[in-house]
């Protein structure tokens, strides 16, 4: 997986990469919420389109974070299952 300043590509290979991806998404979500509800709120009626874009991007980041967290959890479950199978503690 590669995380550049402006793009995230590929599938994370380690928990650290998942954590890094989640941290990037958290920053995007925090900025979006600040722009939508905080002191940085875009309130000028002429900039309503910009505010709508912030809302859209924040929603996308929230959905992406949910997917990344779910994928991380599934990967951890898969590793646990593999470890159990290799240890012969359970016959699956």
Protein backbone atom coordinates (compact mmCIF):
# COMPACT_ATOMS: atom_id res chain seq x y z
CA UNK A 1 0.00 0.00 0.00
CA UNK A 2 1.15 3.55 -0.60
CA UNK A 3 0.00 6.67 1.20
CA UNK A 4 1.11 9.83 -0.56
CA UNK A 5 0.22 13.36 0.47
CA UNK A 6 -2.80 13.42 -1.82
CA UNK A 7 -3.69 9.76 -2.48
CA UNK A 8 -4.09 6.42 -0.74
CA UNK A 9 -3.69 3.38 -2.98
CA UNK A 10 -3.69 -0.35 -2.47
CA UNK A 11 -4.58 -2.55 0.45
CA UNK A 12 -2.83 -2.12 3.79
CA UNK A 13 -0.48 -4.98 4.68
CA UNK A 14 -0.10 -4.27 8.37
CA UNK A 15 -2.00 -2.89 11.34
CA UNK A 16 0.26 0.19 11.26
CA UNK A 17 -0.83 0.97 7.71
CA UNK A 18 -4.48 0.62 8.72
CA UNK A 19 -3.85 2.95 11.66
CA UNK A 20 -2.14 5.47 9.38
CA UNK A 21 -5.05 5.34 6.92
CA UNK A 22 -7.56 5.81 9.75
CA UNK A 23 -5.55 8.77 11.07
CA UNK A 24 -5.62 10.44 7.63
CA UNK A 25 -9.38 9.88 7.36
CA UNK A 26 -9.86 11.26 10.90
CA UNK A 27 -8.06 14.46 9.86
CA UNK A 28 -10.27 14.81 6.78
CA UNK A 29 -13.40 14.24 8.86
CA UNK A 30 -12.27 16.71 11.53
CA UNK A 31 -11.56 19.42 8.96
CA UNK A 32 -14.87 18.78 7.23
CA UNK A 33 -16.84 18.99 10.47
CA UNK A 34 -14.96 22.17 11.39
CA UNK A 35 -15.90 23.71 8.06
CA UNK A 36 -19.52 22.60 8.41
CA UNK A 37 -20.24 23.30 12.08
CA UNK A 38 -17.29 24.99 13.80
CA UNK A 39 -15.78 28.44 13.75
CA UNK A 40 -14.54 27.79 10.22
CA UNK A 41 -18.07 27.29 8.94
CA UNK A 42 -18.67 28.43 5.40
CA UNK A 43 -21.65 30.70 6.00
CA UNK A 44 -21.59 33.03 3.03
CA UNK A 45 -24.63 32.27 0.82
CA UNK A 46 -22.44 32.73 -2.24
CA UNK A 47 -20.18 29.94 -0.97
CA UNK A 48 -23.02 27.49 -0.34
CA UNK A 49 -21.69 25.27 -3.11
CA UNK A 50 -18.32 25.02 -1.32
CA UNK A 51 -20.12 24.12 1.91
CA UNK A 52 -22.04 21.39 0.08
CA UNK A 53 -18.75 20.00 -1.27
CA UNK A 54 -17.28 19.92 2.26
CA UNK A 55 -20.37 18.04 3.40
CA UNK A 56 -20.08 15.56 0.53
CA UNK A 57 -16.36 14.95 1.11
CA UNK A 58 -16.88 14.55 4.86
CA UNK A 59 -19.60 11.96 4.25
CA UNK A 60 -17.28 10.10 1.86
CA UNK A 61 -14.48 10.12 4.43
CA UNK A 62 -16.82 8.76 7.12
CA UNK A 63 -17.95 5.94 4.82
CA UNK A 64 -14.34 5.19 3.86
CA UNK A 65 -13.28 5.10 7.52
CA UNK A 66 -16.07 2.65 8.35
CA UNK A 67 -14.92 0.40 5.50
CA UNK A 68 -11.25 0.59 6.56
CA UNK A 69 -12.13 -0.24 10.18
CA UNK A 70 -14.27 -3.16 8.99
CA UNK A 71 -11.51 -4.41 6.68
CA UNK A 72 -8.94 -4.16 9.48
CA UNK A 73 -11.20 -6.14 11.80
CA UNK A 74 -11.78 -8.83 9.15
CA UNK A 75 -8.05 -9.09 8.49
CA UNK A 76 -7.36 -9.48 12.22
CA UNK A 77 -10.04 -12.18 12.46
CA UNK A 78 -8.49 -13.99 9.49
CA UNK A 79 -5.04 -13.95 11.08
CA UNK A 80 -6.49 -15.23 14.34
CA UNK A 81 -8.26 -18.04 12.51
CA UNK A 82 -5.08 -18.98 10.64
CA UNK A 83 -3.12 -19.03 13.90
CA UNK A 84 -5.73 -21.29 15.49
CA UNK A 85 -5.67 -23.64 12.52
CA UNK A 86 -1.86 -23.81 12.56
CA UNK A 87 -1.74 -24.46 16.30
CA UNK A 88 -4.04 -27.51 15.90
CA UNK A 89 -6.03 -26.40 18.95
CA UNK A 90 -9.22 -26.55 16.95
CA UNK A 91 -10.05 -28.88 14.11
CA UNK A 92 -11.83 -26.73 11.53
